[in-house]
Amino acid sequence: MPERVAFRMSLDPGEVAVCERRYNEVFPELAKTLKDAEVSDYSILLDPETSHLFATLTRGDHHTEAELPKTEILKRW
């Protein structure tokens, strides 16, 4: 059964523009990598007052989310 996960991240001050640019540069390849790992509905929301990111995603029954940090695309992001 799919599982919904939420988490919060903090950006260093002034890093919002850098994060957005890097995300936009890798988005198509990142989307495919997430889909292949059975990760879907990935949303990231920014609180501009605190530079906190709040993210949610859905993982499939056979997801490989734990392997994602090892992928080249996530290393670049």
Protein backbone atom coordinates (compact mmCIF):
# COMPACT_ATOMS: atom_id res chain seq x y z
CA MET A 1 0.00 0.00 0.00
CA PRO A 2 1.45 3.41 -0.92
CA GLU A 3 2.80 5.49 1.93
CA ARG A 4 2.72 9.30 2.22
CA VAL A 5 5.84 10.86 3.77
CA ALA A 6 6.46 14.46 4.86
CA PHE A 7 9.67 16.13 5.95
CA ARG A 8 11.18 19.55 6.55
CA MET A 9 14.52 20.89 5.36
CA SER A 10 16.28 24.16 6.06
CA LEU A 11 18.10 26.22 3.48
CA ASP A 12 21.01 28.41 4.37
CA PRO A 13 20.15 32.12 4.17
CA GLY A 14 20.29 33.34 0.58
CA GLU A 15 20.23 29.84 -0.93
CA VAL A 16 16.62 29.87 -2.19
CA ALA A 17 17.57 31.11 -5.69
CA VAL A 18 20.41 28.57 -5.92
CA CYS A 19 18.10 25.74 -4.89
CA GLU A 20 15.43 26.77 -7.43
CA ARG A 21 17.99 27.06 -10.24
CA ARG A 22 19.55 23.67 -9.51
CA TYR A 23 16.15 22.01 -9.27
CA ASN A 24 15.01 23.50 -12.58
CA GLU A 25 18.22 22.35 -14.29
CA VAL A 26 17.71 18.69 -13.35
CA PHE A 27 13.93 18.42 -13.20
CA PRO A 28 13.22 16.15 -16.22
CA GLU A 29 15.92 13.66 -15.28
CA LEU A 30 15.05 13.90 -11.59
CA ALA A 31 11.37 13.20 -12.30
CA LYS A 32 12.28 10.01 -14.18
CA THR A 33 14.64 8.88 -11.42
CA LEU A 34 11.94 9.40 -8.79
CA LYS A 35 9.38 7.52 -10.88
CA ASP A 36 11.79 4.62 -11.40
CA ALA A 37 12.26 4.50 -7.59
CA GLU A 38 8.45 4.37 -7.07
CA VAL A 39 8.40 7.86 -5.60
CA SER A 40 5.55 10.05 -6.80
CA ASP A 41 3.60 13.18 -5.92
CA TYR A 42 6.76 14.90 -4.69
CA SER A 43 5.94 18.45 -3.66
CA ILE A 44 8.21 21.04 -2.10
CA LEU A 45 6.87 24.19 -0.49
CA LEU A 46 8.97 27.11 0.73
CA ASP A 47 8.33 29.28 3.77
CA PRO A 48 10.13 32.43 2.59
CA GLU A 49 10.19 33.93 6.09
CA THR A 50 12.24 31.06 7.55
CA SER A 51 13.85 29.49 4.43
CA HIS A 52 12.37 26.17 5.52
CA LEU A 53 11.26 23.72 2.86
CA PHE A 54 8.36 21.40 3.60
CA ALA A 55 8.16 18.39 1.31
CA THR A 56 5.76 15.52 0.83
CA LEU A 57 5.97 12.44 -1.36
CA THR A 58 4.30 9.10 -1.90
CA ARG A 59 6.29 5.86 -1.90
CA GLY A 60 5.12 2.68 -3.61
CA ASP A 61 5.23 -0.75 -2.00
CA HIS A 62 8.55 -1.61 -3.63
CA HIS A 63 10.16 1.84 -3.53
CA THR A 64 13.91 2.30 -3.59
CA GLU A 65 13.97 5.75 -2.01
CA ALA A 66 16.95 4.84 0.18
CA GLU A 67 19.04 4.34 -2.96
CA LEU A 68 18.25 7.77 -4.42
CA PRO A 69 21.15 9.64 -2.75
CA LYS A 70 23.52 7.30 -4.59
CA THR A 71 22.21 8.34 -8.02
CA GLU A 72 24.20 10.76 -10.13
CA ILE A 73 21.22 13.08 -10.59
CA LEU A 74 20.69 13.55 -6.85
CA LYS A 75 24.40 14.11 -6.34
CA ARG A 76 24.23 16.93 -8.91
CA TRP A 77 21.10 18.42 -7.35
